[in-house]
């Protein structure tokens, strides 16, 4: 990748910051957030408990303690990274990666709107202080790795349909995946602490 095509110029982050892919996937994620929010309002998902609003949204419940909040954020991020990693080693990542981010954005939109729909100041404050920071960091991790996954999938597809040999370094791709797993642990620690702290303040 050329340096001018990347948002970051360091060797490591250049693999995750192809400008066109990053902004395209970011737009897909934002569309998912607005789409999920609109669907929740139009279909009245929160009336009569027709939908579980926290499903796949990664929202920790502060009353359950630090370990539960930490594991909620971590598990949600790990599931997303694993799905993106597997999509990257297929030739169908060009469709699968944007679709996953669209669904992820929809789940985030429904989860945030759930707090807003409650009408409670405590719920809105918890959403702003206890959930949003952790969700933003974990979503950024998923977005950056989605760029890497999409690029690797495209290279894999070119290698399959091209007569000339394409350069595919699966070992580097796997190391990048492990690195992002480590980042997700740090994000989950911060998210768990924020959720518990915010829950203690609102008691």
N, C-alpha and C. Protein backbone atom coordinates (compact mmCIF):
# COMPACT_ATOMS: atom_id res chain seq x y z
N UNK A 1 0.84 -1.19 0.00
CA UNK A 1 0.00 0.00 0.00
C UNK A 1 0.88 1.25 0.00
N UNK A 2 0.55 2.24 -0.81
CA UNK A 2 1.30 3.48 -0.85
C UNK A 2 1.03 4.28 0.43
N UNK A 3 2.04 5.06 0.85
CA UNK A 3 1.92 5.82 2.08
C UNK A 3 0.80 6.86 1.99
N UNK A 4 0.63 7.46 0.83
CA UNK A 4 -0.39 8.49 0.69
C UNK A 4 -1.80 7.90 0.73
N UNK A 5 -1.95 6.58 0.59
CA UNK A 5 -3.26 5.94 0.64
C UNK A 5 -3.68 5.59 2.06
N UNK A 6 -2.80 5.80 3.05
CA UNK A 6 -3.09 5.41 4.42
C UNK A 6 -3.30 6.63 5.31
N UNK A 7 -4.14 6.45 6.33
CA UNK A 7 -4.37 7.52 7.29
C UNK A 7 -3.17 7.70 8.21
N UNK A 8 -2.51 6.59 8.56
CA UNK A 8 -1.34 6.62 9.43
C UNK A 8 -0.12 6.17 8.63
N UNK A 9 1.04 6.72 8.98
CA UNK A 9 2.24 6.45 8.19
C UNK A 9 3.16 5.41 8.82
N UNK A 10 2.91 5.01 10.08
CA UNK A 10 3.74 3.98 10.68
C UNK A 10 3.45 2.63 10.02
N UNK A 11 4.44 1.77 10.01
CA UNK A 11 4.34 0.50 9.29
C UNK A 11 3.18 -0.35 9.78
N UNK A 12 2.99 -0.40 11.12
CA UNK A 12 1.94 -1.26 11.67
C UNK A 12 0.55 -0.73 11.34
N UNK A 13 0.29 0.54 11.64
CA UNK A 13 -1.06 1.08 11.46
C UNK A 13 -1.41 1.33 10.00
N UNK A 14 -0.41 1.35 9.13
CA UNK A 14 -0.70 1.54 7.72
C UNK A 14 -1.54 0.40 7.16
N UNK A 15 -1.36 -0.79 7.72
CA UNK A 15 -2.11 -1.95 7.24
C UNK A 15 -3.59 -1.86 7.60
N UNK A 16 -3.95 -0.99 8.55
CA UNK A 16 -5.33 -0.90 9.02
C UNK A 16 -6.00 0.41 8.63
N UNK A 17 -5.35 1.20 7.82
CA UNK A 17 -5.87 2.56 7.61
C UNK A 17 -5.89 2.98 6.14
N UNK A 18 -6.19 2.06 5.26
CA UNK A 18 -6.38 2.43 3.86
C UNK A 18 -7.55 3.40 3.78
N UNK A 19 -7.33 4.59 3.27
CA UNK A 19 -8.32 5.67 3.35
C UNK A 19 -9.67 5.29 2.76
N UNK A 20 -9.66 4.77 1.55
CA UNK A 20 -10.93 4.48 0.88
C UNK A 20 -11.71 3.41 1.62
N UNK A 21 -11.03 2.34 2.03
CA UNK A 21 -11.70 1.27 2.78
C UNK A 21 -12.18 1.75 4.13
N UNK A 22 -11.33 2.56 4.81
CA UNK A 22 -11.69 3.03 6.15
C UNK A 22 -12.95 3.88 6.11
N UNK A 23 -13.01 4.85 5.22
CA UNK A 23 -14.17 5.74 5.17
C UNK A 23 -15.41 5.02 4.65
N UNK A 24 -15.22 4.07 3.75
CA UNK A 24 -16.35 3.29 3.25
C UNK A 24 -16.95 2.44 4.37
N UNK A 25 -16.09 1.76 5.12
CA UNK A 25 -16.58 0.92 6.21
C UNK A 25 -17.12 1.76 7.36
N UNK A 26 -16.51 2.92 7.61
CA UNK A 26 -17.03 3.81 8.65
C UNK A 26 -18.43 4.30 8.29
N UNK A 27 -18.63 4.63 7.01
CA UNK A 27 -19.95 5.06 6.56
C UNK A 27 -20.97 3.93 6.70
N UNK A 28 -20.55 2.72 6.41
CA UNK A 28 -21.44 1.56 6.58
C UNK A 28 -21.84 1.38 8.04
N UNK A 29 -20.87 1.54 8.94
CA UNK A 29 -21.14 1.43 10.37
C UNK A 29 -22.12 2.51 10.83
N UNK A 30 -21.92 3.74 10.38
CA UNK A 30 -22.81 4.84 10.76
C UNK A 30 -24.21 4.61 10.20
N UNK A 31 -24.29 4.11 8.99
CA UNK A 31 -25.61 3.78 8.41
C UNK A 31 -26.31 2.72 9.24
N UNK A 32 -25.55 1.76 9.75
CA UNK A 32 -26.13 0.74 10.62
C UNK A 32 -26.67 1.33 11.91
N UNK A 33 -25.94 2.29 12.49
CA UNK A 33 -26.39 2.94 13.73
C UNK A 33 -27.71 3.66 13.50
N UNK A 34 -27.79 4.45 12.42
CA UNK A 34 -29.03 5.17 12.12
C UNK A 34 -30.14 4.21 11.72
N UNK A 35 -29.77 3.16 10.97
CA UNK A 35 -30.78 2.19 10.57
C UNK A 35 -31.35 1.44 11.76
N UNK A 36 -30.49 1.03 12.69
CA UNK A 36 -30.97 0.34 13.89
C UNK A 36 -31.84 1.22 14.75
N UNK A 37 -31.44 2.48 14.90
CA UNK A 37 -32.25 3.42 15.68
C UNK A 37 -33.62 3.65 15.03
N UNK A 38 -33.62 3.83 13.71
CA UNK A 38 -34.88 4.06 13.00
C UNK A 38 -35.79 2.84 13.08
N UNK A 39 -35.20 1.65 12.97
CA UNK A 39 -36.00 0.43 13.06
C UNK A 39 -36.62 0.27 14.45
N UNK A 40 -35.84 0.62 15.48
CA UNK A 40 -36.35 0.51 16.84
C UNK A 40 -37.54 1.44 17.07
N UNK A 41 -37.47 2.64 16.47
CA UNK A 41 -38.56 3.60 16.63
C UNK A 41 -39.78 3.21 15.78
N UNK A 42 -39.55 2.88 14.52
CA UNK A 42 -40.65 2.58 13.61
C UNK A 42 -41.40 1.31 13.99
N UNK A 43 -40.65 0.30 14.44
CA UNK A 43 -41.28 -0.99 14.77
C UNK A 43 -41.59 -1.11 16.25
N UNK A 44 -41.32 -0.05 17.01
CA UNK A 44 -41.61 -0.04 18.45
C UNK A 44 -41.06 -1.30 19.13
N UNK A 45 -39.77 -1.50 18.95
CA UNK A 45 -39.14 -2.72 19.46
C UNK A 45 -39.12 -2.79 20.97
N UNK A 46 -39.17 -1.63 21.63
CA UNK A 46 -39.07 -1.63 23.09
C UNK A 46 -40.43 -1.74 23.77
N UNK A 47 -41.50 -1.68 22.99
CA UNK A 47 -42.84 -1.81 23.57
C UNK A 47 -43.20 -3.29 23.67
N UNK A 48 -43.58 -3.71 24.85
CA UNK A 48 -43.96 -5.10 25.05
C UNK A 48 -42.78 -6.05 24.99
N UNK A 49 -41.55 -5.51 25.09
CA UNK A 49 -40.33 -6.34 25.09
C UNK A 49 -40.28 -7.26 23.88
N UNK A 50 -40.54 -6.69 22.70
CA UNK A 50 -40.51 -7.48 21.49
C UNK A 50 -39.10 -7.84 21.06
N UNK A 51 -38.13 -7.07 21.53
CA UNK A 51 -36.74 -7.33 21.17
C UNK A 51 -35.86 -7.13 22.39
N UNK A 52 -34.82 -7.93 22.49
CA UNK A 52 -33.87 -7.78 23.57
C UNK A 52 -32.88 -6.69 23.17
N UNK A 53 -32.95 -5.51 23.78
CA UNK A 53 -32.20 -4.36 23.26
C UNK A 53 -30.70 -4.47 23.43
N UNK A 54 -30.21 -5.31 24.33
CA UNK A 54 -28.77 -5.40 24.57
C UNK A 54 -28.11 -6.51 23.77
N UNK A 55 -28.85 -7.16 22.90
CA UNK A 55 -28.33 -8.29 22.15
C UNK A 55 -27.18 -7.86 21.23
N UNK A 56 -25.99 -8.42 21.46
CA UNK A 56 -24.79 -8.15 20.66
C UNK A 56 -24.35 -6.68 20.69
N UNK A 57 -24.86 -5.90 21.63
CA UNK A 57 -24.47 -4.49 21.67
C UNK A 57 -23.29 -4.26 22.59
N UNK A 58 -22.96 -5.22 23.45
CA UNK A 58 -21.81 -5.08 24.33
C UNK A 58 -22.03 -4.12 25.47
N UNK A 59 -23.27 -3.95 25.91
CA UNK A 59 -23.58 -3.03 27.00
C UNK A 59 -23.47 -3.77 28.34
N UNK A 60 -22.52 -3.38 29.18
CA UNK A 60 -22.41 -4.04 30.49
C UNK A 60 -23.45 -3.53 31.47
N UNK A 61 -23.89 -4.38 32.37
CA UNK A 61 -24.84 -3.99 33.41
C UNK A 61 -24.04 -3.67 34.67
N UNK A 62 -24.04 -2.41 35.12
CA UNK A 62 -23.16 -2.01 36.22
C UNK A 62 -23.44 -2.73 37.53
N UNK A 63 -24.70 -3.11 37.76
CA UNK A 63 -25.05 -3.76 39.02
C UNK A 63 -24.45 -5.15 39.16
N UNK A 64 -23.97 -5.72 38.07
CA UNK A 64 -23.46 -7.10 38.11
C UNK A 64 -22.00 -7.19 38.54
N UNK A 65 -21.31 -6.06 38.72
CA UNK A 65 -19.94 -6.08 39.21
C UNK A 65 -18.91 -5.97 38.10
N UNK A 66 -17.65 -5.81 38.53
CA UNK A 66 -16.58 -5.55 37.56
C UNK A 66 -16.36 -6.72 36.62
N UNK A 67 -16.29 -7.95 37.14
CA UNK A 67 -15.98 -9.10 36.29
C UNK A 67 -17.01 -9.28 35.20
N UNK A 68 -18.27 -9.11 35.54
CA UNK A 68 -19.33 -9.26 34.55
C UNK A 68 -19.26 -8.15 33.50
N UNK A 69 -18.99 -6.92 33.94
CA UNK A 69 -18.87 -5.81 32.98
C UNK A 69 -17.66 -6.01 32.08
N UNK A 70 -16.54 -6.43 32.68
CA UNK A 70 -15.32 -6.68 31.91
C UNK A 70 -15.54 -7.78 30.88
N UNK A 71 -16.15 -8.88 31.31
CA UNK A 71 -16.35 -10.01 30.40
C UNK A 71 -17.35 -9.68 29.30
N UNK A 72 -18.34 -8.82 29.59
CA UNK A 72 -19.32 -8.44 28.58
C UNK A 72 -18.67 -7.67 27.44
N UNK A 73 -17.88 -6.66 27.81
CA UNK A 73 -17.20 -5.85 26.79
C UNK A 73 -16.18 -6.69 26.02
N UNK A 74 -15.42 -7.51 26.78
CA UNK A 74 -14.37 -8.32 26.15
C UNK A 74 -14.96 -9.35 25.20
N UNK A 75 -15.96 -10.09 25.67
CA UNK A 75 -16.55 -11.13 24.83
C UNK A 75 -17.16 -10.56 23.57
N UNK A 76 -17.83 -9.41 23.71
CA UNK A 76 -18.44 -8.79 22.54
C UNK A 76 -17.40 -8.39 21.51
N UNK A 77 -16.27 -7.82 21.99
CA UNK A 77 -15.22 -7.41 21.07
C UNK A 77 -14.52 -8.62 20.46
N UNK A 78 -14.29 -9.65 21.26
CA UNK A 78 -13.63 -10.85 20.75
C UNK A 78 -14.46 -11.53 19.67
N UNK A 79 -15.76 -11.60 19.88
CA UNK A 79 -16.64 -12.21 18.88
C UNK A 79 -16.54 -11.45 17.56
N UNK A 80 -16.54 -10.12 17.65
CA UNK A 80 -16.44 -9.31 16.44
C UNK A 80 -15.11 -9.50 15.73
N UNK A 81 -14.00 -9.54 16.48
CA UNK A 81 -12.69 -9.72 15.88
C UNK A 81 -12.55 -11.10 15.23
N UNK A 82 -13.09 -12.11 15.89
CA UNK A 82 -13.01 -13.47 15.34
C UNK A 82 -13.80 -13.57 14.03
N UNK A 83 -15.00 -12.96 14.02
CA UNK A 83 -15.81 -12.98 12.79
C UNK A 83 -15.07 -12.28 11.66
N UNK A 84 -14.48 -11.12 11.96
CA UNK A 84 -13.75 -10.38 10.93
C UNK A 84 -12.52 -11.15 10.46
N UNK A 85 -11.83 -11.81 11.39
CA UNK A 85 -10.67 -12.60 11.02
C UNK A 85 -11.06 -13.73 10.06
N UNK A 86 -12.14 -14.41 10.38
CA UNK A 86 -12.60 -15.51 9.52
C UNK A 86 -13.08 -15.00 8.17
N UNK A 87 -13.73 -13.85 8.15
CA UNK A 87 -14.15 -13.27 6.87
C UNK A 87 -12.94 -12.89 6.02
N UNK A 88 -11.85 -12.50 6.68
CA UNK A 88 -10.66 -12.12 5.95
C UNK A 88 -9.98 -13.26 5.23
N UNK A 89 -10.14 -14.48 5.72
CA UNK A 89 -9.49 -15.63 5.10
C UNK A 89 -10.42 -16.32 4.10
N UNK A 90 -11.48 -15.63 3.73
CA UNK A 90 -12.35 -16.12 2.66
C UNK A 90 -12.32 -15.13 1.51
N UNK A 91 -12.80 -15.55 0.37
CA UNK A 91 -12.86 -14.67 -0.79
C UNK A 91 -14.12 -13.82 -0.81
N UNK A 92 -14.96 -13.95 0.23
CA UNK A 92 -16.23 -13.25 0.26
C UNK A 92 -16.24 -12.11 1.28
N UNK A 93 -15.04 -11.69 1.72
CA UNK A 93 -14.96 -10.61 2.68
C UNK A 93 -15.47 -9.29 2.16
N UNK A 94 -15.42 -9.08 0.85
CA UNK A 94 -15.90 -7.82 0.27
C UNK A 94 -17.38 -7.60 0.56
N UNK A 95 -18.12 -8.67 0.73
CA UNK A 95 -19.54 -8.57 1.09
C UNK A 95 -19.75 -8.79 2.59
N UNK A 96 -19.00 -9.74 3.15
CA UNK A 96 -19.20 -10.11 4.54
C UNK A 96 -18.78 -9.05 5.54
N UNK A 97 -17.64 -8.39 5.29
CA UNK A 97 -17.14 -7.39 6.24
C UNK A 97 -18.08 -6.19 6.33
N UNK A 98 -18.50 -5.58 5.21
CA UNK A 98 -19.46 -4.46 5.33
C UNK A 98 -20.79 -4.89 5.96
N UNK A 99 -21.25 -6.10 5.64
CA UNK A 99 -22.51 -6.57 6.21
C UNK A 99 -22.39 -6.73 7.73
N UNK A 100 -21.24 -7.23 8.19
CA UNK A 100 -21.05 -7.37 9.63
C UNK A 100 -21.05 -6.01 10.32
N UNK A 101 -20.35 -5.03 9.74
CA UNK A 101 -20.32 -3.70 10.34
C UNK A 101 -21.69 -3.04 10.31
N UNK A 102 -22.47 -3.31 9.28
CA UNK A 102 -23.82 -2.79 9.22
C UNK A 102 -24.66 -3.34 10.37
N UNK A 103 -24.54 -4.65 10.61
CA UNK A 103 -25.27 -5.29 11.72
C UNK A 103 -24.77 -4.79 13.07
N UNK A 104 -23.44 -4.62 13.18
CA UNK A 104 -22.86 -4.11 14.42
C UNK A 104 -23.36 -2.70 14.70
N UNK A 105 -23.39 -1.86 13.69
CA UNK A 105 -23.91 -0.52 13.86
C UNK A 105 -25.38 -0.52 14.26
N UNK A 106 -26.15 -1.42 13.66
CA UNK A 106 -27.56 -1.53 14.02
C UNK A 106 -27.75 -1.91 15.48
N UNK A 107 -26.93 -2.86 15.96
CA UNK A 107 -27.02 -3.27 17.37
C UNK A 107 -26.64 -2.13 18.30
N UNK A 108 -25.62 -1.36 17.92
CA UNK A 108 -25.22 -0.21 18.73
C UNK A 108 -26.32 0.85 18.78
N UNK A 109 -26.93 1.11 17.62
CA UNK A 109 -28.00 2.09 17.57
C UNK A 109 -29.18 1.70 18.43
N UNK A 110 -29.56 0.43 18.39
CA UNK A 110 -30.68 -0.05 19.20
C UNK A 110 -30.33 0.02 20.68
N UNK A 111 -29.07 -0.35 21.01
CA UNK A 111 -28.66 -0.33 22.41
C UNK A 111 -28.65 1.07 23.00
N UNK A 112 -28.12 2.04 22.25
CA UNK A 112 -28.09 3.42 22.75
C UNK A 112 -29.50 3.99 22.85
N UNK A 113 -30.33 3.71 21.85
CA UNK A 113 -31.69 4.23 21.87
C UNK A 113 -32.50 3.64 23.02
N UNK A 114 -32.14 2.44 23.45
CA UNK A 114 -32.82 1.82 24.59
C UNK A 114 -32.69 2.69 25.84
N UNK A 115 -31.49 3.24 26.05
CA UNK A 115 -31.30 4.12 27.20
C UNK A 115 -32.08 5.42 27.03
N UNK A 116 -32.07 5.96 25.81
CA UNK A 116 -32.77 7.21 25.56
C UNK A 116 -34.28 7.04 25.71
N UNK A 117 -34.79 5.89 25.29
CA UNK A 117 -36.24 5.66 25.32
C UNK A 117 -36.76 5.50 26.74
N UNK A 118 -35.88 5.17 27.69
CA UNK A 118 -36.33 4.97 29.06
C UNK A 118 -36.78 6.27 29.71
N UNK A 119 -36.22 7.40 29.23
CA UNK A 119 -36.60 8.69 29.78
C UNK A 119 -36.01 8.98 31.13
N UNK A 120 -35.17 8.09 31.63
CA UNK A 120 -34.55 8.28 32.94
C UNK A 120 -33.21 8.99 32.79
N UNK A 121 -32.98 10.01 33.62
CA UNK A 121 -31.72 10.74 33.57
C UNK A 121 -30.55 9.84 33.94
N UNK A 122 -30.75 8.94 34.90
CA UNK A 122 -29.69 8.02 35.30
C UNK A 122 -29.29 7.11 34.15
N UNK A 123 -30.27 6.63 33.41
CA UNK A 123 -29.98 5.76 32.27
C UNK A 123 -29.21 6.49 31.18
N UNK A 124 -29.62 7.72 30.90
CA UNK A 124 -28.93 8.51 29.88
C UNK A 124 -27.51 8.83 30.32
N UNK A 125 -27.33 9.15 31.61
CA UNK A 125 -26.00 9.47 32.12
C UNK A 125 -25.10 8.24 32.08
N UNK A 126 -25.67 7.08 32.42
CA UNK A 126 -24.87 5.86 32.35
C UNK A 126 -24.47 5.55 30.91
N UNK A 127 -25.39 5.80 29.98
CA UNK A 127 -25.09 5.57 28.57
C UNK A 127 -23.93 6.45 28.12
N UNK A 128 -23.94 7.73 28.57
CA UNK A 128 -22.91 8.68 28.15
C UNK A 128 -21.56 8.40 28.81
N UNK A 129 -21.56 8.03 30.09
CA UNK A 129 -20.31 7.89 30.83
C UNK A 129 -19.83 6.45 30.97
N UNK A 130 -20.76 5.53 31.12
CA UNK A 130 -20.37 4.15 31.40
C UNK A 130 -20.32 3.24 30.20
N UNK A 131 -21.09 3.56 29.17
CA UNK A 131 -21.17 2.67 28.02
C UNK A 131 -20.51 3.23 26.77
N UNK A 132 -20.79 4.49 26.46
CA UNK A 132 -20.33 5.08 25.20
C UNK A 132 -18.81 5.04 25.02
N UNK A 133 -18.00 5.38 26.04
CA UNK A 133 -16.53 5.33 25.83
C UNK A 133 -16.03 3.93 25.47
N UNK A 134 -16.50 2.92 26.20
CA UNK A 134 -16.06 1.55 25.91
C UNK A 134 -16.56 1.09 24.55
N UNK A 135 -17.80 1.44 24.21
CA UNK A 135 -18.34 1.07 22.91
C UNK A 135 -17.58 1.75 21.78
N UNK A 136 -17.17 3.01 22.00
CA UNK A 136 -16.44 3.74 20.98
C UNK A 136 -15.07 3.11 20.73
N UNK A 137 -14.36 2.74 21.80
CA UNK A 137 -13.03 2.14 21.65
C UNK A 137 -13.13 0.77 20.99
N UNK A 138 -14.05 -0.06 21.46
CA UNK A 138 -14.18 -1.40 20.90
C UNK A 138 -14.64 -1.35 19.44
N UNK A 139 -15.52 -0.39 19.13
CA UNK A 139 -15.98 -0.24 17.75
C UNK A 139 -14.86 0.24 16.84
N UNK A 140 -14.01 1.13 17.36
CA UNK A 140 -12.85 1.59 16.58
C UNK A 140 -11.90 0.43 16.30
N UNK A 141 -11.70 -0.43 17.29
CA UNK A 141 -10.86 -1.62 17.07
C UNK A 141 -11.44 -2.49 15.97
N UNK A 142 -12.74 -2.71 16.02
CA UNK A 142 -13.39 -3.53 15.00
C UNK A 142 -13.30 -2.88 13.63
N UNK A 143 -13.46 -1.56 13.59
CA UNK A 143 -13.40 -0.85 12.32
C UNK A 143 -12.01 -0.94 11.70
N UNK A 144 -10.97 -0.73 12.51
CA UNK A 144 -9.59 -0.81 12.00
C UNK A 144 -9.26 -2.22 11.52
N UNK A 145 -9.68 -3.22 12.30
CA UNK A 145 -9.38 -4.59 11.87
C UNK A 145 -10.23 -4.99 10.68
N UNK A 146 -11.41 -4.39 10.54
CA UNK A 146 -12.24 -4.67 9.37
C UNK A 146 -11.54 -4.21 8.10
N UNK A 147 -10.83 -3.08 8.17
CA UNK A 147 -10.05 -2.60 7.01
C UNK A 147 -8.99 -3.62 6.65
N UNK A 148 -8.31 -4.15 7.67
CA UNK A 148 -7.27 -5.16 7.44
C UNK A 148 -7.87 -6.45 6.88
N UNK A 149 -9.00 -6.85 7.43
CA UNK A 149 -9.66 -8.06 6.98
C UNK A 149 -10.13 -7.95 5.53
N UNK A 150 -10.69 -6.79 5.19
CA UNK A 150 -11.17 -6.58 3.83
C UNK A 150 -10.00 -6.59 2.83
N UNK A 151 -8.88 -5.96 3.21
CA UNK A 151 -7.71 -5.93 2.33
C UNK A 151 -7.14 -7.34 2.12
N UNK A 152 -7.10 -8.12 3.20
CA UNK A 152 -6.56 -9.48 3.07
C UNK A 152 -7.49 -10.36 2.24
N UNK A 153 -8.79 -10.18 2.42
CA UNK A 153 -9.75 -10.95 1.64
C UNK A 153 -9.65 -10.61 0.15
N UNK A 154 -9.48 -9.32 -0.14
CA UNK A 154 -9.33 -8.91 -1.54
C UNK A 154 -8.06 -9.49 -2.16
N UNK A 155 -6.98 -9.51 -1.38
CA UNK A 155 -5.74 -10.12 -1.87
C UNK A 155 -5.91 -11.61 -2.10
N UNK A 156 -6.67 -12.25 -1.23
CA UNK A 156 -6.93 -13.68 -1.38
C UNK A 156 -7.75 -13.95 -2.64
N UNK A 157 -8.74 -13.10 -2.89
CA UNK A 157 -9.57 -13.26 -4.09
C UNK A 157 -8.73 -13.06 -5.35
N UNK A 158 -7.85 -12.06 -5.32
CA UNK A 158 -6.99 -11.82 -6.48
C UNK A 158 -6.05 -12.99 -6.72
N UNK A 159 -5.57 -13.59 -5.63
CA UNK A 159 -4.68 -14.74 -5.77
C UNK A 159 -5.40 -15.93 -6.38
N UNK A 160 -6.69 -16.04 -6.09
CA UNK A 160 -7.45 -17.17 -6.61
C UNK A 160 -7.85 -17.02 -8.06
N UNK A 161 -8.06 -15.77 -8.49
CA UNK A 161 -8.54 -15.55 -9.85
C UNK A 161 -7.46 -15.01 -10.79
N UNK A 162 -6.26 -14.84 -10.27
CA UNK A 162 -5.17 -14.31 -11.09
C UNK A 162 -4.19 -15.41 -11.45
N UNK A 163 -3.63 -15.32 -12.64
CA UNK A 163 -2.65 -16.31 -13.08
C UNK A 163 -1.29 -16.08 -12.43
N UNK A 164 -1.01 -14.82 -12.02
CA UNK A 164 0.27 -14.55 -11.39
C UNK A 164 0.16 -14.70 -9.88
N UNK A 165 1.25 -14.99 -9.23
CA UNK A 165 1.27 -15.25 -7.80
C UNK A 165 1.11 -13.95 -7.01
N UNK A 166 0.15 -13.93 -6.10
CA UNK A 166 -0.05 -12.77 -5.24
C UNK A 166 0.67 -12.99 -3.91
N UNK A 167 1.14 -11.91 -3.33
CA UNK A 167 1.85 -11.99 -2.06
C UNK A 167 0.84 -12.01 -0.91
N UNK A 168 0.74 -13.14 -0.22
CA UNK A 168 -0.16 -13.30 0.91
C UNK A 168 0.66 -13.76 2.11
N UNK A 169 0.70 -12.96 3.15
CA UNK A 169 1.44 -13.31 4.35
C UNK A 169 0.45 -13.56 5.47
N UNK A 170 0.01 -14.81 5.59
CA UNK A 170 -0.98 -15.16 6.60
C UNK A 170 -0.40 -14.99 8.00
N UNK A 171 0.89 -15.22 8.16
CA UNK A 171 1.51 -15.10 9.48
C UNK A 171 1.40 -13.67 10.01
N UNK A 172 1.63 -12.68 9.15
CA UNK A 172 1.50 -11.28 9.56
C UNK A 172 0.04 -10.97 9.89
N UNK A 173 -0.88 -11.48 9.09
CA UNK A 173 -2.31 -11.27 9.33
C UNK A 173 -2.73 -11.85 10.68
N UNK A 174 -2.21 -13.03 11.00
CA UNK A 174 -2.54 -13.68 12.27
C UNK A 174 -1.93 -12.91 13.44
N UNK A 175 -0.72 -12.40 13.27
CA UNK A 175 -0.09 -11.60 14.33
C UNK A 175 -0.87 -10.31 14.57
N UNK A 176 -1.38 -9.71 13.50
CA UNK A 176 -2.22 -8.53 13.65
C UNK A 176 -3.49 -8.85 14.44
N UNK A 177 -4.05 -10.00 14.17
CA UNK A 177 -5.24 -10.45 14.89
C UNK A 177 -4.94 -10.61 16.38
N UNK A 178 -3.82 -11.24 16.72
CA UNK A 178 -3.45 -11.41 18.12
C UNK A 178 -3.20 -10.06 18.80
N UNK A 179 -2.60 -9.14 18.08
CA UNK A 179 -2.35 -7.81 18.63
C UNK A 179 -3.66 -7.11 18.98
N UNK A 180 -4.64 -7.24 18.11
CA UNK A 180 -5.93 -6.61 18.37
C UNK A 180 -6.67 -7.31 19.49
N UNK A 181 -6.43 -8.59 19.68
CA UNK A 181 -7.00 -9.28 20.84
C UNK A 181 -6.45 -8.68 22.13
N UNK A 182 -5.17 -8.36 22.14
CA UNK A 182 -4.56 -7.73 23.31
C UNK A 182 -5.14 -6.34 23.54
N UNK A 183 -5.33 -5.59 22.46
CA UNK A 183 -5.95 -4.27 22.58
C UNK A 183 -7.37 -4.38 23.16
N UNK A 184 -8.08 -5.44 22.78
CA UNK A 184 -9.46 -5.60 23.25
C UNK A 184 -9.50 -5.86 24.75
N UNK A 185 -8.47 -6.52 25.29
CA UNK A 185 -8.41 -6.75 26.74
C UNK A 185 -8.27 -5.41 27.47
N UNK A 186 -7.41 -4.55 26.96
CA UNK A 186 -7.23 -3.22 27.57
C UNK A 186 -8.52 -2.42 27.50
N UNK A 187 -9.19 -2.46 26.35
CA UNK A 187 -10.46 -1.75 26.20
C UNK A 187 -11.52 -2.29 27.15
N UNK A 188 -11.54 -3.61 27.33
CA UNK A 188 -12.52 -4.21 28.24
C UNK A 188 -12.24 -3.84 29.69
N UNK A 189 -10.96 -3.77 30.07
CA UNK A 189 -10.61 -3.34 31.43
C UNK A 189 -11.11 -1.92 31.69
N UNK A 190 -10.85 -1.03 30.74
CA UNK A 190 -11.30 0.35 30.90
C UNK A 190 -12.83 0.43 30.91
N UNK A 191 -13.47 -0.35 30.03
CA UNK A 191 -14.92 -0.33 29.96
C UNK A 191 -15.56 -0.89 31.22
N UNK A 192 -14.99 -1.97 31.77
CA UNK A 192 -15.51 -2.54 33.00
C UNK A 192 -15.39 -1.58 34.17
N UNK A 193 -14.25 -0.91 34.28
CA UNK A 193 -14.04 0.06 35.36
C UNK A 193 -15.00 1.24 35.24
N UNK A 194 -15.19 1.74 34.01
CA UNK A 194 -16.10 2.86 33.80
C UNK A 194 -17.54 2.48 34.15
N UNK A 195 -17.95 1.28 33.75
CA UNK A 195 -19.31 0.85 34.01
C UNK A 195 -19.57 0.72 35.51
N UNK A 196 -18.62 0.11 36.22
CA UNK A 196 -18.79 -0.06 37.67
C UNK A 196 -18.74 1.29 38.38
N UNK A 197 -17.82 2.15 37.98
CA UNK A 197 -17.69 3.47 38.60
C UNK A 197 -18.95 4.30 38.37
N UNK A 198 -19.45 4.26 37.14
CA UNK A 198 -20.67 5.02 36.84
C UNK A 198 -21.85 4.44 37.60
N UNK A 199 -21.91 3.11 37.71
CA UNK A 199 -22.99 2.49 38.47
C UNK A 199 -22.96 2.86 39.95
N UNK A 200 -21.74 2.97 40.50
CA UNK A 200 -21.60 3.35 41.91
C UNK A 200 -22.01 4.80 42.13
N UNK A 201 -21.71 5.67 41.18
CA UNK A 201 -22.06 7.08 41.30
C UNK A 201 -23.57 7.27 41.24
N UNK A 202 -24.23 6.47 40.40
CA UNK A 202 -25.68 6.64 40.21
C UNK A 202 -26.51 5.97 41.27
N UNK A 203 -25.88 5.22 42.19
CA UNK A 203 -26.64 4.54 43.24
C UNK A 203 -27.20 5.57 44.23
